[in-house]
Protein backbone atom coordinates (compact mmCIF):
# COMPACT_ATOMS: atom_id res chain seq x y z
CA UNK A 1 -25.53 11.72 46.15
CA UNK A 2 -28.57 13.86 45.28
CA UNK A 3 -28.49 16.69 42.75
CA UNK A 4 -28.50 19.46 45.34
CA UNK A 5 -25.53 17.92 47.30
CA UNK A 6 -23.57 17.29 44.04
CA UNK A 7 -24.16 20.85 42.96
CA UNK A 8 -22.97 22.30 46.23
CA UNK A 9 -19.71 20.30 45.94
CA UNK A 10 -18.97 21.06 42.33
CA UNK A 11 -15.54 22.44 41.77
CA UNK A 12 -14.65 24.03 38.36
CA UNK A 13 -11.16 23.99 36.83
CA UNK A 14 -10.12 27.51 35.98
CA UNK A 15 -7.67 28.79 33.39
CA UNK A 16 -5.78 32.09 33.24
CA UNK A 17 -3.51 31.72 30.23
CA UNK A 18 -2.34 35.15 28.83
CA UNK A 19 -2.41 35.71 25.10
CA UNK A 20 0.82 37.79 25.31
CA UNK A 21 2.69 35.00 27.00
CA UNK A 22 1.49 32.46 24.38
CA UNK A 23 2.60 34.79 21.51
CA UNK A 24 6.02 35.19 23.23
CA UNK A 25 6.50 31.45 23.41
CA UNK A 26 5.27 30.89 19.94
CA UNK A 27 7.61 33.54 18.35
CA UNK A 28 10.61 32.37 20.16
CA UNK A 29 9.96 28.76 19.20
CA UNK A 30 9.62 29.73 15.54
CA UNK A 31 12.90 31.68 15.54
CA UNK A 32 14.86 29.02 17.45
CA UNK A 33 13.38 26.25 15.28
CA UNK A 34 14.68 28.05 12.16
CA UNK A 35 18.03 28.67 13.69
CA UNK A 36 18.42 25.00 14.86
CA UNK A 37 16.77 23.58 11.84
CA UNK A 38 13.97 22.17 13.87
CA UNK A 39 15.94 20.60 16.74
CA UNK A 40 14.64 23.08 19.26
CA UNK A 41 11.08 21.94 18.63
CA UNK A 42 11.43 19.41 21.41
CA UNK A 43 12.32 22.09 24.00
CA UNK A 44 9.83 24.59 22.55
CA UNK A 45 6.98 22.07 22.80
CA UNK A 46 7.87 21.45 26.43
CA UNK A 47 7.90 25.13 27.27
CA UNK A 48 4.40 25.50 25.79
CA UNK A 49 3.22 22.49 27.74
CA UNK A 50 4.65 23.77 31.06
CA UNK A 51 3.02 27.14 30.54
CA UNK A 52 -0.39 25.92 29.43
CA UNK A 53 -0.54 23.26 32.17
CA UNK A 54 0.46 25.87 34.79
CA UNK A 55 -2.42 28.05 33.72
CA UNK A 56 -4.93 25.38 34.99
CA UNK A 57 -6.02 25.79 38.63
CA UNK A 58 -8.08 23.60 40.85
CA UNK A 59 -8.97 24.96 44.28
CA UNK A 60 -6.41 27.68 43.88
CA UNK A 61 -3.60 25.07 43.32
CA UNK A 62 -2.03 25.02 39.89
CA UNK A 63 -1.17 21.99 37.81
CA UNK A 64 2.44 21.41 36.89
CA UNK A 65 4.19 19.63 34.07
CA UNK A 66 7.68 18.37 34.86
CA UNK A 67 8.70 16.88 31.52
CA UNK A 68 11.83 18.14 29.74
CA UNK A 69 12.80 18.69 26.16
CA UNK A 70 15.82 16.55 26.63
CA UNK A 71 13.63 13.57 27.53
CA UNK A 72 11.54 13.99 24.43
CA UNK A 73 14.65 14.49 22.23
CA UNK A 74 16.28 11.32 23.50
CA UNK A 75 13.00 9.50 23.01
CA UNK A 76 12.88 10.76 19.54
CA UNK A 77 16.40 9.48 18.84
CA UNK A 78 15.59 6.03 20.30
CA UNK A 79 12.35 5.87 18.23
CA UNK A 80 14.38 6.77 15.05
CA UNK A 81 16.83 3.95 15.81
CA UNK A 82 14.00 1.54 16.50
CA UNK A 83 12.13 2.35 13.39
CA UNK A 84 15.22 2.06 11.20
CA UNK A 85 16.08 -1.35 12.66
CA UNK A 86 12.62 -2.90 12.45
CA UNK A 87 12.26 -1.48 8.86
CA UNK A 88 15.26 -3.40 7.46
CA UNK A 89 13.04 -6.24 6.14
CA UNK A 90 10.84 -3.52 4.54
CA UNK A 91 13.82 -1.88 2.81
CA UNK A 92 14.94 -5.32 1.57
CA UNK A 93 11.44 -6.13 0.34
CA UNK A 94 11.15 -2.89 -1.59
CA UNK A 95 14.60 -3.46 -3.14
CA UNK A 96 13.60 -7.04 -4.16
CA UNK A 97 10.37 -5.64 -5.60
CA UNK A 98 12.14 -3.02 -7.70
CA UNK A 99 14.61 -5.61 -8.81
CA UNK A 100 11.96 -8.12 -9.78
CA UNK A 101 9.93 -5.38 -11.65
CA UNK A 102 13.06 -4.56 -13.63
CA UNK A 103 13.65 -8.22 -14.50
CA UNK A 104 9.94 -8.62 -15.37
CA UNK A 105 10.13 -5.56 -17.74
CA UNK A 106 12.99 -7.16 -19.61
CA UNK A 107 11.11 -10.44 -19.91
CA UNK A 108 7.95 -8.58 -21.08
CA UNK A 109 9.92 -6.64 -23.68
CA UNK A 110 11.47 -9.89 -24.89
CA UNK A 111 8.06 -11.43 -25.01
CA UNK A 112 6.61 -8.55 -27.05
CA UNK A 113 9.58 -8.98 -29.45
CA UNK A 114 8.76 -12.72 -29.82
CA UNK A 115 5.11 -11.95 -30.45
CA UNK A 116 5.97 -9.45 -33.17
CA UNK A 117 8.07 -12.08 -34.96
CA UNK A 118 5.20 -14.58 -34.66
CA UNK A 119 2.68 -12.07 -36.01
CA UNK A 120 4.95 -11.36 -38.97
CA UNK A 121 5.20 -15.07 -39.84
CA UNK A 122 1.45 -15.45 -39.38
CA UNK A 123 0.82 -12.62 -41.80
CA UNK A 124 2.66 -14.47 -44.61
CA UNK A 125 0.51 -16.29 -47.12
CA UNK A 126 3.24 -18.81 -47.85
CA UNK A 127 5.86 -20.01 -45.42
CA UNK A 128 8.81 -22.48 -45.80
CA UNK A 129 9.50 -25.37 -43.66
CA UNK A 130 12.30 -23.48 -41.92
CA UNK A 131 9.84 -20.62 -41.07
CA UNK A 132 7.29 -23.13 -39.68
CA UNK A 133 10.00 -24.54 -37.41
CA UNK A 134 11.11 -20.99 -36.42
CA UNK A 135 7.43 -20.13 -35.65
CA UNK A 136 7.11 -23.29 -33.26
CA UNK A 137 10.45 -22.30 -31.57
CA UNK A 138 9.01 -18.78 -31.05
CA UNK A 139 5.89 -20.11 -29.64
CA UNK A 140 7.86 -22.43 -27.26
CA UNK A 141 10.05 -19.41 -26.19
CA UNK A 142 6.92 -17.38 -25.53
CA UNK A 143 5.53 -19.94 -23.21
CA UNK A 144 8.88 -20.21 -21.36
CA UNK A 145 9.03 -16.49 -20.84
CA UNK A 146 5.40 -16.42 -19.67
CA UNK A 147 6.27 -19.12 -17.14
CA UNK A 148 9.29 -17.18 -15.95
CA UNK A 149 7.18 -14.10 -15.37
CA UNK A 150 4.64 -16.16 -13.40
CA UNK A 151 7.41 -17.74 -11.27
CA UNK A 152 8.89 -14.32 -10.57
CA UNK A 153 5.55 -13.21 -9.25
CA UNK A 154 5.06 -16.22 -7.09
CA UNK A 155 8.66 -16.72 -5.72
CA UNK A 156 9.92 -13.17 -5.67
CA UNK A 157 7.29 -10.50 -6.03
CA UNK A 158 4.52 -11.96 -3.96
CA UNK A 159 6.59 -12.52 -0.75
CA UNK A 160 8.01 -9.03 -1.03
CA UNK A 161 4.48 -7.69 -1.52
CA UNK A 162 3.20 -9.59 1.57
CA UNK A 163 6.06 -8.01 3.65
CA UNK A 164 5.31 -4.52 2.39
CA UNK A 165 1.65 -4.86 3.13
CA UNK A 166 2.36 -6.12 6.63
CA UNK A 167 4.54 -3.12 7.30
CA UNK A 168 1.86 -0.86 5.79
CA UNK A 169 -0.55 -2.31 8.28
CA UNK A 170 1.99 -2.00 11.17
CA UNK A 171 2.86 1.63 10.41
CA UNK A 172 -0.57 3.01 9.60
CA UNK A 173 -2.88 0.99 11.86
CA UNK A 174 -0.89 -0.54 14.79
CA UNK A 175 1.92 1.84 15.60
CA UNK A 176 -0.20 5.03 15.89
CA UNK A 177 -2.18 3.33 18.67
CA UNK A 178 1.12 2.38 20.46
CA UNK A 179 2.48 5.83 20.09
CA UNK A 180 -0.81 7.48 21.48
CA UNK A 181 -0.72 5.29 24.57
CA UNK A 182 2.97 6.00 25.08
CA UNK A 183 2.35 9.71 24.85
CA UNK A 184 -0.49 9.46 27.45
CA UNK A 185 1.81 7.41 29.66
CA UNK A 186 4.61 10.02 29.48
CA UNK A 187 2.39 13.08 29.96
CA UNK A 188 0.30 11.71 32.83
CA UNK A 189 3.51 10.70 34.61
CA UNK A 190 4.75 14.23 34.45
CA UNK A 191 1.48 15.96 35.32
CA UNK A 192 1.35 17.07 39.05
CA UNK A 193 -1.14 18.73 41.35
CA UNK A 194 -0.29 19.57 44.88
CA UNK A 195 2.97 17.71 44.27
CA UNK A 196 1.18 14.49 43.48
CA UNK A 197 1.75 13.04 39.99
CA UNK A 198 -0.38 10.86 37.76
CA UNK A 199 0.49 7.53 36.21
CA UNK A 200 -0.76 5.33 33.45
CA UNK A 201 -0.04 1.70 33.71
CA UNK A 202 -0.30 -1.08 31.24
CA UNK A 203 1.48 -2.03 28.05
CA UNK A 204 1.32 0.37 24.93
CA UNK A 205 1.94 -2.75 22.69
CA UNK A 206 -1.03 -4.66 24.11
CA UNK A 207 -3.13 -1.53 23.86
CA UNK A 208 -2.19 -1.30 20.20
CA UNK A 209 -3.38 -4.82 19.53
CA UNK A 210 -6.65 -4.17 21.41
CA UNK A 211 -7.15 -0.98 19.39
CA UNK A 212 -6.38 -2.72 16.10
CA UNK A 213 -8.96 -5.37 16.99
CA UNK A 214 -11.69 -2.80 17.52
CA UNK A 215 -10.66 -0.92 14.40
CA UNK A 216 -11.16 -4.08 12.31
CA UNK A 217 -14.58 -4.61 13.90
CA UNK A 218 -15.53 -1.02 12.97
CA UNK A 219 -14.51 -1.78 9.28
CA UNK A 220 -16.36 -5.04 9.29
CA UNK A 221 -19.51 -3.53 10.68
CA UNK A 222 -19.34 -0.52 8.28
CA UNK A 223 -18.92 1.87 11.30
CA UNK A 224 -21.68 0.55 13.48
CA UNK A 225 -19.13 -0.72 16.01
CA UNK A 226 -17.61 2.74 16.46
CA UNK A 227 -19.34 3.83 19.71
CA UNK A 228 -18.59 0.43 21.31
CA UNK A 229 -14.89 0.63 20.14
CA UNK A 230 -14.49 4.29 21.52
CA UNK A 231 -15.98 3.36 24.83
CA UNK A 232 -13.94 0.15 25.25
CA UNK A 233 -10.66 1.89 24.39
CA UNK A 234 -11.35 4.78 26.84
CA UNK A 235 -12.28 2.21 29.47
CA UNK A 236 -9.03 0.33 28.84
CA UNK A 237 -7.06 3.55 29.59
CA UNK A 238 -9.02 5.08 32.41
CA UNK A 239 -9.10 1.77 34.36
CA UNK A 240 -5.24 1.93 34.37
CA UNK A 241 -5.05 5.65 35.25
CA UNK A 242 -3.72 6.64 38.58
CA UNK A 243 -3.40 9.94 40.54
CA UNK A 244 -0.92 9.27 43.26
CA UNK A 245 -1.92 5.97 44.80
CA UNK A 246 -5.64 6.40 43.86
CA UNK A 247 -6.77 4.20 40.88
CA UNK A 248 -9.34 5.61 38.31
CA UNK A 249 -12.32 3.63 37.31
CA UNK A 250 -14.55 3.79 34.23
CA UNK A 251 -18.01 2.73 35.00
CA UNK A 252 -20.57 1.61 32.37
CA UNK A 253 -22.44 4.30 30.73
CA UNK A 254 -25.63 4.46 28.52
CA UNK A 255 -24.18 2.95 25.47
CA UNK A 256 -27.66 2.70 23.88
CA UNK A 257 -28.21 6.51 23.86
CA UNK A 258 -24.62 6.94 22.40
CA UNK A 259 -25.30 4.49 19.71
CA UNK A 260 -28.58 6.20 18.81
CA UNK A 261 -26.71 9.52 18.60
CA UNK A 262 -24.12 7.81 16.31
CA UNK A 263 -26.88 6.58 13.93
CA UNK A 264 -28.74 9.79 13.83
CA UNK A 265 -25.70 11.97 13.27
CA UNK A 266 -24.49 9.46 10.46
CA UNK A 267 -27.92 9.77 8.72
CA UNK A 268 -27.59 13.61 8.85
CA UNK A 269 -23.91 13.49 7.77
CA UNK A 270 -24.43 14.37 4.07
CA UNK A 271 -27.40 16.82 4.60
CA UNK A 272 -25.31 18.74 7.19
CA UNK A 273 -22.09 18.43 5.35
CA UNK A 274 -20.69 16.32 8.23
CA UNK A 275 -21.41 18.98 10.88
CA UNK A 276 -23.87 16.65 12.67
CA UNK A 277 -20.87 14.64 13.94
CA UNK A 278 -19.91 17.46 16.32
CA UNK A 279 -23.05 16.56 18.35
CA UNK A 280 -21.87 12.94 18.50
CA UNK A 281 -18.39 13.99 19.59
CA UNK A 282 -19.86 16.15 22.34
CA UNK A 283 -22.11 13.30 23.46
CA UNK A 284 -19.14 10.98 23.62
CA UNK A 285 -17.03 13.50 25.56
CA UNK A 286 -19.81 13.98 28.11
CA UNK A 287 -20.21 10.26 28.54
CA UNK A 288 -16.40 9.69 28.91
CA UNK A 289 -16.32 12.30 31.63
CA UNK A 290 -19.39 11.22 33.45
CA UNK A 291 -18.20 7.51 33.59
CA UNK A 292 -14.82 8.38 35.17
CA UNK A 293 -14.42 7.94 38.92
CA UNK A 294 -11.46 8.70 41.19
CA UNK A 295 -11.66 7.85 44.95
CA UNK A 296 -15.20 9.07 45.25
CA UNK A 297 -14.81 12.17 42.97
CA UNK A 298 -17.20 12.37 39.99
CA UNK A 299 -16.56 14.28 36.80
CA UNK A 300 -18.98 16.21 34.58
CA UNK A 301 -18.62 17.80 31.16
CA UNK A 302 -20.97 20.45 29.84
CA UNK A 303 -19.61 20.29 26.24
CA UNK A 304 -22.40 20.67 23.63
CA UNK A 305 -22.41 19.97 19.90
CA UNK A 306 -23.13 23.63 19.07
CA UNK A 307 -20.38 24.81 21.44
CA UNK A 308 -17.89 22.47 19.87
CA UNK A 309 -18.88 23.37 16.39
CA UNK A 310 -18.43 27.11 17.05
CA UNK A 311 -15.08 26.42 18.71
CA UNK A 312 -13.75 24.46 15.77
CA UNK A 313 -15.26 26.56 13.02
CA UNK A 314 -14.06 29.87 14.47
CA UNK A 315 -10.54 28.36 15.20
CA UNK A 316 -10.44 27.28 11.48
CA UNK A 317 -11.35 30.78 10.29
CA UNK A 318 -8.83 32.42 12.62
CA UNK A 319 -5.99 30.22 11.22
CA UNK A 320 -7.10 30.79 7.60
CA UNK A 321 -7.51 34.52 7.64
CA UNK A 322 -4.45 35.20 9.80
CA UNK A 323 -2.34 32.79 7.64
CA UNK A 324 -1.41 30.85 10.81
CA UNK A 325 -0.38 33.85 12.76
CA UNK A 326 -3.49 33.41 15.01
CA UNK A 327 -2.30 30.06 16.33
CA UNK A 328 -1.80 31.28 19.94
CA UNK A 329 -5.33 32.67 19.83
CA UNK A 330 -6.65 29.35 18.88
CA UNK A 331 -4.58 27.68 21.56
CA UNK A 332 -5.99 29.94 24.22
CA UNK A 333 -9.58 29.49 23.00
CA UNK A 334 -9.08 25.67 23.22
CA UNK A 335 -7.81 25.61 26.68
CA UNK A 336 -10.45 28.14 27.93
CA UNK A 337 -13.19 25.99 26.27
CA UNK A 338 -11.93 22.87 28.09
CA UNK A 339 -11.76 24.60 31.55
CA UNK A 340 -15.22 26.17 31.13
CA UNK A 341 -16.88 22.86 30.42
CA UNK A 342 -15.36 20.69 33.15
CA UNK A 343 -16.70 20.25 36.69
CA UNK A 344 -15.35 17.95 39.46
CA UNK A 345 -18.12 16.80 41.69
CA UNK A 346 -17.36 15.76 45.29
CA UNK A 347 -15.35 17.02 48.38
CA UNK A 348 -12.02 17.63 46.80
CA UNK A 349 -10.68 19.16 49.93
CA UNK A 350 -11.07 15.84 51.66
CA UNK A 351 -9.28 13.97 48.72
CA UNK A 352 -6.35 12.09 50.08
CA UNK A 353 -3.65 10.12 48.24
CA UNK A 354 0.01 9.07 48.50
CA UNK A 355 2.59 9.75 45.77
CA UNK A 356 2.57 7.40 42.88
CA UNK A 357 5.10 4.63 43.07
CA UNK A 358 8.26 4.57 40.98
CA UNK A 359 9.64 7.50 38.91
CA UNK A 360 8.13 9.53 36.09
CA UNK A 361 8.64 7.98 32.70
CA UNK A 362 11.63 9.26 30.74
CA UNK A 363 10.35 8.24 27.28
CA UNK A 364 7.04 7.63 25.52
CA UNK A 365 6.73 10.48 22.97
CA UNK A 366 9.48 9.71 20.46
CA UNK A 367 7.42 7.74 18.01
CA UNK A 368 4.68 10.34 18.05
CA UNK A 369 7.07 12.87 16.44
CA UNK A 370 7.20 10.61 13.33
CA UNK A 371 3.48 9.76 13.36
CA UNK A 372 2.14 13.19 14.40
CA UNK A 373 -0.13 11.77 17.11
CA UNK A 374 -0.20 12.52 20.74
CA UNK A 375 -2.21 13.93 23.63
CA UNK A 376 -3.55 17.25 22.65
CA UNK A 377 -2.64 19.98 25.08
CA UNK A 378 -4.61 22.55 23.10
CA UNK A 379 -7.77 20.82 24.33
CA UNK A 380 -6.46 20.13 27.81
CA UNK A 381 -6.05 16.42 27.20
CA UNK A 382 -3.71 15.86 30.17
CA UNK A 383 -5.91 17.48 32.77
CA UNK A 384 -8.90 15.75 31.34
CA UNK A 385 -7.54 12.38 32.55
CA UNK A 386 -7.77 13.65 36.11
């Protein structure tokens, strides 16, 4: 496809969200969350998602979100039960650790008492035979207490410490990736355009392991592996993404230029007070979009580092100076920015597909409520995957 042909077949995504409607949803959600002690948040979040997604149009046809608050609430309850059950060994390990620490404190206090008695005997210029024998008994007792403390560390404290560290690793490193994939699976399954829904196949648990592996490589390489990890993880997801019966594909991009951008923006990180990274994030977004294919359709992003910086900086100032009341303004700015910078290249009118097999997922966002991760509707995350 040459540039002229591609340009003539470029189709933008439009957005017509109304600030008044967003404020109405926002105020109602706050009031009902207060009345229901936060329980309404599941339904409130769904109402916002439905409205925001419905504001996106492609060839005069609107997108539609079919998820429900009940589904998210039930997923939340299941996730709560799941986390409690798998955390039982953690609770026991913490209890054992506290118990061992209490016993160690008693032993250490007793050892200090023994040392004080020994120091008192050592300070005497003349000692009796009985005092010498008492000193030797104290010295033996000190050694026995020291051995007990060491044994407690090895036999009781160390196993519990290992269990706690494994759960720390599980909760902070592995589980967020699982939750993020689950959220994407749920949201894409409930996103429709012209009645056709999306689907994300694959295992969230396997994706979590894959993501952890790349995270460790990033740490071991002091951040140099980051561009490779981000591309690999996006490729993993987009190669398992479907719209109807059509399978998405992530083709190889110019990783060398992305890596160069990564290095340059890292070198400028301190002089620019980290602002240089906005240019890397924009470059990464453009690469992800240009590498995605869907049944002959190409995708293009026009996001720039300067545009992304202005968006985020002004959003921050709006939230600060309005004390949070400007959140709906920020939400509208985000979805408008996304729609403005996305183009679909190809004959979309000739795009044909059948409905995705199976039924939309009923769960997938429960754990994300605990971990505060998920697909970001404020930046049009769901539509981006199509």
